[in-house]
Each structure stands twice: as structure tokens, then as C-alpha cells.
N, C-alpha and C. Protein backbone atom coordinates (compact mmCIF):
# COMPACT_ATOMS: atom_id res chain seq x y z
N MET A 1 71.92 94.91 -10.00
CA MET A 1 71.93 93.83 -8.79
C MET A 1 70.53 93.49 -8.44
N SER A 2 70.15 92.30 -8.24
CA SER A 2 68.99 91.89 -7.92
C SER A 2 68.84 92.08 -6.47
N ALA A 3 67.60 91.79 -6.03
CA ALA A 3 67.24 92.12 -4.53
C ALA A 3 68.05 91.14 -3.72
N GLU A 4 68.38 89.99 -4.23
CA GLU A 4 69.09 89.04 -3.48
C GLU A 4 70.65 89.07 -3.75
N SER A 5 71.28 89.16 -2.72
CA SER A 5 72.89 89.19 -2.90
C SER A 5 73.55 88.42 -1.79
N THR A 6 74.80 88.09 -2.04
CA THR A 6 75.55 87.38 -1.08
C THR A 6 76.98 88.14 -0.92
N CYS A 7 77.68 87.59 0.20
CA CYS A 7 78.97 88.08 0.36
C CYS A 7 79.90 87.13 0.77
N PHE A 8 81.22 87.34 0.60
CA PHE A 8 82.32 86.51 0.96
C PHE A 8 83.15 87.35 1.86
N ILE A 9 83.52 86.67 3.05
CA ILE A 9 84.43 87.32 3.96
C ILE A 9 85.65 86.38 4.18
N HIS A 10 86.84 87.08 4.15
CA HIS A 10 88.03 86.27 4.49
C HIS A 10 88.94 86.96 5.38
N VAL A 11 89.43 86.35 6.52
CA VAL A 11 90.13 87.00 7.47
C VAL A 11 91.55 86.19 7.56
N ILE A 12 92.56 87.08 7.58
CA ILE A 12 94.02 86.60 7.60
C ILE A 12 94.80 87.40 8.42
N TYR A 13 95.64 86.75 9.08
CA TYR A 13 96.69 87.40 10.04
C TYR A 13 98.07 87.36 9.50
N ILE A 14 98.63 88.64 9.53
CA ILE A 14 99.90 88.86 8.73
C ILE A 14 100.92 89.52 9.73
N ALA A 15 102.13 88.97 9.73
CA ALA A 15 103.14 89.42 10.57
C ALA A 15 103.70 90.72 9.79
N SER A 16 103.01 91.91 10.07
CA SER A 16 103.38 93.17 9.32
C SER A 16 102.82 94.28 10.02
N THR A 17 102.83 95.45 9.46
CA THR A 17 102.28 96.60 10.05
C THR A 17 101.01 97.06 9.10
N PRO A 18 100.06 97.83 9.64
CA PRO A 18 98.97 98.31 8.93
C PRO A 18 99.42 99.00 7.48
N GLN A 19 100.37 99.88 7.88
CA GLN A 19 100.86 100.72 6.68
C GLN A 19 101.31 99.75 5.53
N LYS A 20 102.21 98.82 5.86
CA LYS A 20 102.71 97.83 4.86
C LYS A 20 101.56 97.09 4.15
N VAL A 21 100.71 96.65 4.91
CA VAL A 21 99.44 96.00 4.23
C VAL A 21 98.81 96.92 3.36
N PHE A 22 98.43 98.14 3.87
CA PHE A 22 97.76 99.03 3.05
C PHE A 22 98.51 99.42 1.73
N GLU A 23 99.75 99.56 1.83
CA GLU A 23 100.60 99.99 0.68
C GLU A 23 100.63 98.75 -0.32
N ALA A 24 100.69 97.46 0.20
CA ALA A 24 100.66 96.30 -0.62
C ALA A 24 99.36 96.19 -1.44
N ILE A 25 98.18 96.67 -0.86
CA ILE A 25 96.97 96.60 -1.62
C ILE A 25 96.95 97.83 -2.78
N THR A 26 97.50 98.99 -2.44
CA THR A 26 97.37 100.23 -3.19
C THR A 26 98.63 100.63 -4.03
N ARG A 27 99.68 100.09 -3.83
CA ARG A 27 100.92 100.41 -4.63
C ARG A 27 101.05 99.34 -5.85
N PRO A 28 100.92 99.77 -7.02
CA PRO A 28 100.99 98.87 -8.08
C PRO A 28 102.24 97.97 -8.24
N GLU A 29 103.35 98.45 -7.84
CA GLU A 29 104.65 97.61 -7.87
C GLU A 29 104.62 96.69 -6.91
N ILE A 30 104.00 96.83 -5.73
CA ILE A 30 103.84 95.72 -4.77
C ILE A 30 102.87 94.75 -5.05
N ALA A 31 101.62 95.27 -5.47
CA ALA A 31 100.48 94.31 -5.92
C ALA A 31 100.98 93.22 -6.88
N SER A 32 101.61 93.85 -7.87
CA SER A 32 102.06 92.93 -9.02
C SER A 32 103.01 91.80 -8.51
N ARG A 33 103.64 91.82 -7.36
CA ARG A 33 104.52 90.85 -6.86
C ARG A 33 103.76 89.64 -6.05
N TYR A 34 102.56 89.96 -5.72
CA TYR A 34 101.87 88.92 -5.07
C TYR A 34 100.55 88.63 -5.77
N TRP A 35 99.87 89.57 -6.66
CA TRP A 35 98.65 89.36 -7.14
C TRP A 35 98.75 89.09 -8.79
N GLY A 36 99.96 89.44 -9.25
CA GLY A 36 99.98 89.42 -10.78
C GLY A 36 99.44 90.47 -11.46
N HIS A 37 98.76 91.44 -10.78
CA HIS A 37 98.08 92.61 -11.33
C HIS A 37 98.49 93.73 -10.57
N GLU A 38 98.44 94.92 -11.06
CA GLU A 38 98.55 96.16 -10.41
C GLU A 38 97.17 96.77 -10.32
N ASN A 39 97.08 97.32 -9.08
CA ASN A 39 95.98 98.14 -8.70
C ASN A 39 96.37 99.61 -8.81
N VAL A 40 95.68 100.34 -9.74
CA VAL A 40 96.00 101.49 -10.19
C VAL A 40 94.91 102.62 -10.09
N SER A 41 95.32 103.52 -9.08
CA SER A 41 94.45 104.69 -8.72
C SER A 41 95.15 105.60 -7.94
N ASP A 42 94.51 106.94 -7.63
CA ASP A 42 95.06 107.80 -6.75
C ASP A 42 94.56 107.62 -5.37
N TRP A 43 93.69 106.67 -5.24
CA TRP A 43 92.91 106.22 -4.03
C TRP A 43 92.23 107.28 -3.30
N LYS A 44 91.79 108.11 -3.96
CA LYS A 44 90.87 109.18 -3.28
C LYS A 44 89.49 108.92 -3.53
N PRO A 45 88.52 109.07 -2.59
CA PRO A 45 87.23 108.77 -2.68
C PRO A 45 86.63 109.42 -3.98
N GLY A 46 85.82 108.56 -4.63
CA GLY A 46 85.40 109.19 -5.95
C GLY A 46 86.27 108.91 -7.19
N SER A 47 87.45 108.53 -6.97
CA SER A 47 88.33 108.10 -8.11
C SER A 47 88.12 106.86 -8.61
N ARG A 48 88.38 106.69 -9.86
CA ARG A 48 88.45 105.34 -10.40
C ARG A 48 89.81 104.45 -10.13
N TRP A 49 89.48 103.20 -10.16
CA TRP A 49 90.75 102.35 -10.01
C TRP A 49 90.73 101.28 -11.08
N GLN A 50 91.73 100.61 -11.35
CA GLN A 50 91.95 99.60 -12.41
C GLN A 50 92.71 98.51 -11.90
N HIS A 51 92.41 97.30 -12.31
CA HIS A 51 93.19 96.14 -12.00
C HIS A 51 93.87 95.69 -13.31
N VAL A 52 95.11 95.87 -13.35
CA VAL A 52 95.80 95.83 -14.61
C VAL A 52 96.76 94.62 -14.56
N ARG A 53 96.67 93.66 -15.62
CA ARG A 53 97.55 92.53 -15.54
C ARG A 53 98.92 92.94 -15.69
N ALA A 54 99.91 92.39 -14.90
CA ALA A 54 101.05 92.73 -14.72
C ALA A 54 102.03 91.95 -15.77
N ASN A 55 101.67 92.01 -17.01
CA ASN A 55 102.35 91.27 -18.06
C ASN A 55 102.54 92.21 -19.21
N GLU A 56 103.02 91.68 -20.37
CA GLU A 56 103.10 92.31 -21.52
C GLU A 56 101.79 92.97 -22.09
N THR A 57 100.75 92.25 -21.95
CA THR A 57 99.44 92.62 -22.46
C THR A 57 98.82 93.80 -21.73
N ARG A 58 99.14 93.94 -20.47
CA ARG A 58 98.70 95.24 -19.60
C ARG A 58 97.22 95.35 -19.68
N SER A 59 96.43 94.18 -19.82
CA SER A 59 94.99 94.20 -19.98
C SER A 59 94.21 94.72 -18.59
N VAL A 60 93.34 95.48 -18.68
CA VAL A 60 92.55 95.94 -17.59
C VAL A 60 91.36 94.88 -17.47
N GLU A 61 91.60 94.25 -16.28
CA GLU A 61 90.61 93.04 -15.96
C GLU A 61 89.40 93.37 -15.08
N LEU A 62 89.66 94.43 -14.14
CA LEU A 62 88.70 94.88 -13.36
C LEU A 62 88.57 96.39 -13.28
N VAL A 63 87.53 97.03 -12.86
CA VAL A 63 87.46 98.32 -12.70
C VAL A 63 86.54 98.75 -11.51
N GLY A 64 86.55 99.91 -11.05
CA GLY A 64 85.73 100.27 -10.02
C GLY A 64 85.98 101.63 -9.66
N GLU A 65 85.39 102.07 -8.50
CA GLU A 65 85.57 103.48 -7.76
C GLU A 65 86.01 103.31 -6.47
N VAL A 66 86.72 104.23 -5.95
CA VAL A 66 87.07 104.21 -4.54
C VAL A 66 85.89 104.98 -3.83
N VAL A 67 85.49 104.11 -2.89
CA VAL A 67 84.30 104.64 -2.00
C VAL A 67 84.76 105.27 -0.85
N GLU A 68 85.77 104.67 -0.19
CA GLU A 68 86.34 105.19 1.10
C GLU A 68 87.84 104.85 1.11
N SER A 69 88.63 105.71 1.56
CA SER A 69 90.05 105.43 1.76
C SER A 69 90.51 105.96 3.01
N THR A 70 90.87 105.23 4.01
CA THR A 70 91.30 105.73 5.29
C THR A 70 92.71 105.00 5.59
N PRO A 71 93.82 105.50 5.06
CA PRO A 71 95.10 104.71 5.32
C PRO A 71 95.41 104.84 6.71
N PRO A 72 96.05 103.94 7.18
CA PRO A 72 96.19 102.54 6.72
C PRO A 72 95.20 101.62 7.20
N SER A 73 93.93 102.07 7.58
CA SER A 73 93.04 101.10 8.28
C SER A 73 91.82 100.58 7.42
N ARG A 74 91.41 101.26 6.39
CA ARG A 74 90.27 100.99 5.57
C ARG A 74 90.26 101.32 4.29
N LEU A 75 89.94 100.44 3.17
CA LEU A 75 89.74 100.82 1.84
C LEU A 75 88.41 100.27 1.43
N VAL A 76 87.60 100.89 0.65
CA VAL A 76 86.42 100.39 0.20
C VAL A 76 86.32 100.88 -1.34
N ILE A 77 86.10 99.75 -2.13
CA ILE A 77 86.05 100.01 -3.60
C ILE A 77 84.89 99.31 -4.10
N THR A 78 84.39 99.81 -5.29
CA THR A 78 83.44 98.95 -6.03
C THR A 78 84.25 98.14 -7.03
N TRP A 79 83.57 97.04 -7.68
CA TRP A 79 84.47 96.04 -8.35
C TRP A 79 83.49 95.42 -9.59
N ALA A 80 84.02 95.45 -10.71
CA ALA A 80 83.41 94.80 -11.79
C ALA A 80 84.28 94.43 -12.81
N ALA A 81 84.11 93.34 -13.64
CA ALA A 81 84.69 93.00 -14.84
C ALA A 81 84.91 94.25 -15.67
N ALA A 82 85.95 94.36 -16.32
CA ALA A 82 86.09 95.62 -17.13
C ALA A 82 85.15 95.43 -18.34
N SER A 83 84.75 94.29 -18.75
CA SER A 83 83.69 94.07 -19.78
C SER A 83 82.35 94.59 -19.42
N GLN A 84 82.16 94.77 -18.19
CA GLN A 84 80.79 95.06 -17.61
C GLN A 84 80.81 96.39 -17.04
N ALA A 85 81.84 97.26 -17.39
CA ALA A 85 82.02 98.54 -16.63
C ALA A 85 80.77 99.37 -16.87
N GLU A 86 80.07 99.39 -17.92
CA GLU A 86 78.86 100.20 -18.19
C GLU A 86 77.82 99.75 -17.67
N ASN A 87 77.68 98.51 -16.98
CA ASN A 87 76.44 97.94 -16.43
C ASN A 87 76.48 98.23 -14.96
N PRO A 88 75.68 99.18 -14.42
CA PRO A 88 75.68 99.39 -12.92
C PRO A 88 75.44 98.23 -12.10
N ASP A 89 74.63 97.28 -12.56
CA ASP A 89 74.18 96.12 -11.91
C ASP A 89 75.32 95.06 -11.68
N ALA A 90 76.50 95.31 -12.52
CA ALA A 90 77.53 94.22 -12.43
C ALA A 90 78.49 94.55 -11.35
N TYR A 91 78.37 95.69 -10.66
CA TYR A 91 79.31 96.09 -9.58
C TYR A 91 79.11 95.36 -8.41
N SER A 92 80.18 94.95 -7.59
CA SER A 92 79.98 94.51 -6.26
C SER A 92 81.02 95.54 -5.50
N ARG A 93 81.17 95.09 -4.12
CA ARG A 93 82.03 95.99 -3.30
C ARG A 93 82.93 95.25 -2.54
N VAL A 94 84.11 95.80 -2.31
CA VAL A 94 85.14 95.07 -1.52
C VAL A 94 85.59 96.09 -0.63
N THR A 95 85.66 95.51 0.78
CA THR A 95 86.16 96.37 1.94
C THR A 95 87.26 95.67 2.55
N PHE A 96 88.49 96.47 2.71
CA PHE A 96 89.66 95.87 3.31
C PHE A 96 89.56 96.68 4.58
N ASP A 97 89.47 95.87 5.70
CA ASP A 97 89.69 96.44 7.10
C ASP A 97 90.99 95.98 7.70
N ILE A 98 91.79 96.83 8.05
CA ILE A 98 93.13 96.43 8.40
C ILE A 98 93.38 96.92 9.98
N VAL A 99 93.48 95.92 10.86
CA VAL A 99 93.49 96.32 12.21
C VAL A 99 94.71 95.70 12.92
N PRO A 100 95.62 96.51 13.71
CA PRO A 100 96.77 96.06 14.40
C PRO A 100 96.28 94.99 15.38
N TYR A 101 96.99 93.98 15.53
CA TYR A 101 96.56 92.77 16.47
C TYR A 101 97.85 92.36 17.03
N GLN A 102 98.25 92.90 18.26
CA GLN A 102 99.47 92.65 18.91
C GLN A 102 100.69 93.08 17.91
N ASP A 103 101.50 92.12 17.57
CA ASP A 103 102.58 92.28 16.71
C ASP A 103 102.29 92.01 15.26
N MET A 104 101.00 92.04 14.92
CA MET A 104 100.61 91.66 13.60
C MET A 104 99.39 92.52 13.17
N VAL A 105 98.85 92.02 12.05
CA VAL A 105 97.68 92.75 11.37
C VAL A 105 96.61 91.70 11.09
N ARG A 106 95.50 92.02 11.50
CA ARG A 106 94.29 91.18 11.03
C ARG A 106 93.67 92.07 9.88
N LEU A 107 93.72 91.40 8.75
CA LEU A 107 93.04 91.79 7.61
C LEU A 107 91.80 91.10 7.30
N THR A 108 90.76 91.83 7.10
CA THR A 108 89.42 91.23 6.86
C THR A 108 89.01 91.90 5.41
N VAL A 109 88.88 90.97 4.59
CA VAL A 109 88.26 91.51 3.20
C VAL A 109 86.87 90.86 3.11
N THR A 110 85.99 91.86 2.87
CA THR A 110 84.60 91.55 2.74
C THR A 110 84.16 91.91 1.23
N HIS A 111 83.72 90.95 0.62
CA HIS A 111 83.49 91.22 -0.83
C HIS A 111 81.86 90.89 -0.94
N ASP A 112 81.11 92.04 -0.91
CA ASP A 112 79.62 91.94 -0.85
C ASP A 112 78.93 92.51 -2.06
N GLU A 113 77.76 92.49 -1.96
CA GLU A 113 76.75 92.88 -3.14
C GLU A 113 77.07 91.91 -4.45
N LEU A 114 77.27 90.76 -4.13
CA LEU A 114 77.48 89.87 -5.18
C LEU A 114 76.23 89.14 -5.51
N GLU A 115 76.12 88.79 -6.80
CA GLU A 115 74.83 88.15 -7.31
C GLU A 115 75.13 86.56 -6.97
N PRO A 116 74.37 85.93 -6.17
CA PRO A 116 74.65 84.40 -5.87
C PRO A 116 74.73 83.61 -6.98
N GLY A 117 75.79 82.85 -7.10
CA GLY A 117 76.14 81.83 -8.15
C GLY A 117 76.64 82.50 -9.41
N SER A 118 76.91 83.77 -9.47
CA SER A 118 77.34 84.37 -10.77
C SER A 118 78.74 83.89 -10.98
N GLY A 119 79.34 84.28 -12.11
CA GLY A 119 80.67 84.00 -12.45
C GLY A 119 81.58 84.78 -11.57
N MET A 120 81.26 85.98 -11.19
CA MET A 120 82.07 86.83 -10.28
C MET A 120 81.94 86.33 -8.80
N ASP A 121 80.94 85.73 -8.36
CA ASP A 121 80.71 85.26 -7.05
C ASP A 121 81.52 83.91 -7.05
N THR A 122 81.46 83.05 -8.01
CA THR A 122 82.37 81.91 -8.00
C THR A 122 83.93 82.19 -8.13
N GLY A 123 84.23 83.16 -8.99
CA GLY A 123 85.54 83.46 -9.23
C GLY A 123 86.20 84.05 -7.84
N ILE A 124 85.63 84.99 -7.21
CA ILE A 124 86.33 85.48 -6.03
C ILE A 124 86.43 84.49 -4.91
N ARG A 125 85.59 83.58 -4.88
CA ARG A 125 85.61 82.56 -3.84
C ARG A 125 86.82 81.72 -3.92
N GLN A 126 87.22 81.41 -5.22
CA GLN A 126 88.44 80.81 -5.54
C GLN A 126 89.79 81.79 -5.38
N GLY A 127 89.56 83.03 -5.88
CA GLY A 127 90.69 84.02 -6.04
C GLY A 127 91.04 84.52 -4.62
N TRP A 128 90.13 85.10 -3.84
CA TRP A 128 90.53 85.70 -2.74
C TRP A 128 91.57 85.01 -1.67
N PRO A 129 91.27 83.54 -1.59
CA PRO A 129 92.12 83.06 -0.47
C PRO A 129 93.51 82.76 -1.08
N ILE A 130 93.91 82.46 -2.40
CA ILE A 130 95.17 82.43 -2.87
C ILE A 130 95.78 83.87 -2.88
N VAL A 131 95.04 84.88 -3.25
CA VAL A 131 95.74 86.25 -3.37
C VAL A 131 95.98 86.84 -2.02
N LEU A 132 95.16 86.51 -0.93
CA LEU A 132 95.62 86.86 0.44
C LEU A 132 96.67 86.09 1.01
N SER A 133 96.73 84.85 0.65
CA SER A 133 97.81 84.01 1.09
C SER A 133 99.07 84.47 0.49
N SER A 134 99.01 84.82 -0.78
CA SER A 134 100.13 85.41 -1.50
C SER A 134 100.71 86.72 -0.98
N LEU A 135 99.76 87.50 -0.64
CA LEU A 135 100.06 88.82 0.16
C LEU A 135 100.74 88.48 1.39
N LYS A 136 100.14 87.60 2.23
CA LYS A 136 100.83 87.25 3.54
C LYS A 136 102.25 86.64 3.34
N SER A 137 102.42 85.84 2.34
CA SER A 137 103.76 85.30 1.95
C SER A 137 104.77 86.40 1.64
N LEU A 138 104.26 87.31 0.72
CA LEU A 138 105.11 88.30 0.32
C LEU A 138 105.57 89.29 1.51
N LEU A 139 104.69 89.62 2.33
CA LEU A 139 105.01 90.50 3.46
C LEU A 139 105.92 89.93 4.43
N GLU A 140 105.70 88.65 4.72
CA GLU A 140 106.43 87.76 5.69
C GLU A 140 107.70 87.30 5.31
N THR A 141 107.82 86.97 3.97
CA THR A 141 109.02 86.20 3.44
C THR A 141 109.66 87.05 2.29
N GLY A 142 109.06 87.96 1.74
CA GLY A 142 109.62 88.61 0.60
C GLY A 142 109.35 87.90 -0.61
N ARG A 143 108.56 86.92 -0.76
CA ARG A 143 108.12 86.16 -1.89
C ARG A 143 106.57 85.92 -1.98
N GLY A 144 105.95 86.31 -3.02
CA GLY A 144 104.58 85.97 -3.17
C GLY A 144 104.37 84.60 -3.69
N LEU A 145 103.11 84.10 -3.74
CA LEU A 145 102.83 82.82 -4.48
C LEU A 145 102.55 82.96 -5.89
N ASP A 146 102.44 81.77 -6.69
CA ASP A 146 101.96 82.00 -7.94
C ASP A 146 100.41 81.77 -7.94
N VAL A 147 99.81 82.98 -7.90
CA VAL A 147 98.35 83.00 -7.84
C VAL A 147 97.60 82.40 -9.09
N PHE A 148 98.41 82.16 -10.22
CA PHE A 148 97.84 81.51 -11.43
C PHE A 148 98.07 80.00 -11.27
N ALA A 149 98.56 79.41 -10.36
CA ALA A 149 98.79 78.04 -10.20
C ALA A 149 97.54 77.25 -10.27
N LYS A 150 97.65 75.99 -10.81
CA LYS A 150 96.40 75.06 -10.99
C LYS A 150 96.59 73.94 -10.01
N PRO A 151 95.52 73.28 -9.51
CA PRO A 151 95.73 72.10 -8.69
C PRO A 151 96.62 71.09 -9.49
N SER A 152 97.39 70.39 -8.83
CA SER A 152 98.13 69.28 -9.23
C SER A 152 97.21 68.04 -9.28
N VAL A 153 97.40 67.33 -10.30
CA VAL A 153 96.63 66.07 -10.70
C VAL A 153 97.47 64.95 -9.96
N ALA A 154 96.80 64.40 -9.01
CA ALA A 154 97.42 63.05 -8.27
C ALA A 154 97.50 62.00 -9.37
N GLY A 155 98.73 61.45 -9.29
CA GLY A 155 99.12 60.38 -10.07
C GLY A 155 98.92 59.18 -9.68
């Protein structure tokens, strides 16, 4: 990681409970329904986690380590492309802060320690909004969004 870094913060309000939001992030069978990937770990600090594509290839696309896990209010993980797992400079950090907010939850995702303009920086700025919108849809309606959808071309 160079001396210069950037971060991305996304806040979303979900009609749910902190426990259900935390479980949706950490339980593979739930994450696959809104993310198209399973987040696999025992979620204990120091443990590894993997972001596994929820299809027949079961490819591991992201890896990292659990830095902090305080269910159901906070999860902090490191994050890197699986192809760069051996490069310590390739890792960024993701913090999920889950706060009760009257009859809903305020989920704040902070993805920091990113190299400005890198492929990871660009990718997560496009990815987090649709993934978190899909999480909200799943918890509120029982149906996630197609996170792999592409913009429609106006005719």
C-alpha cells in the first residue's frame, strides 16, 4: 500500500434487525441469495475468510482476514483479490457498522486503505451500491437483486 490511500463509504437503511443484517453478511447461504457469492469463515478475529462464487465453478474471488467481529454490531475484515493474496500491499479493509435506528438498521460500509484509481477502488465503487441494495431488498422483500446485471442500452 502506498502512502496515499482512499476510502469509500456507503450508508443504507434497512427495515430489519441488527442480528439479521449481521447474519446476512456472514452466513454463506444468505449471502449467496443477494450477493451471488458466499462469505465463508468462522468469523473469529484472526481467521481467514473467502468470497466464493455461488455457482458451479465455486471460484474463490476474494480473500482476507477477520480483524474484528462483534455480532451483531460490527465486522472488520481485510480484503484482496484471491490472485493477489500473497501481496500484503494488495489488501484493503472493510468495516460493517450495524446500528439499530428506531424500527430499522443503519448499515455503514466503509471500504478503506484502497489505492486511488486501482482496479479494486473502481470495482468496489460500482459493486457496493448494488450489493447493499440487493441486501436491503432481500431482507425487506425476501428477494435479492441481480448483482451481475448490466445497464440497459437505450434504444
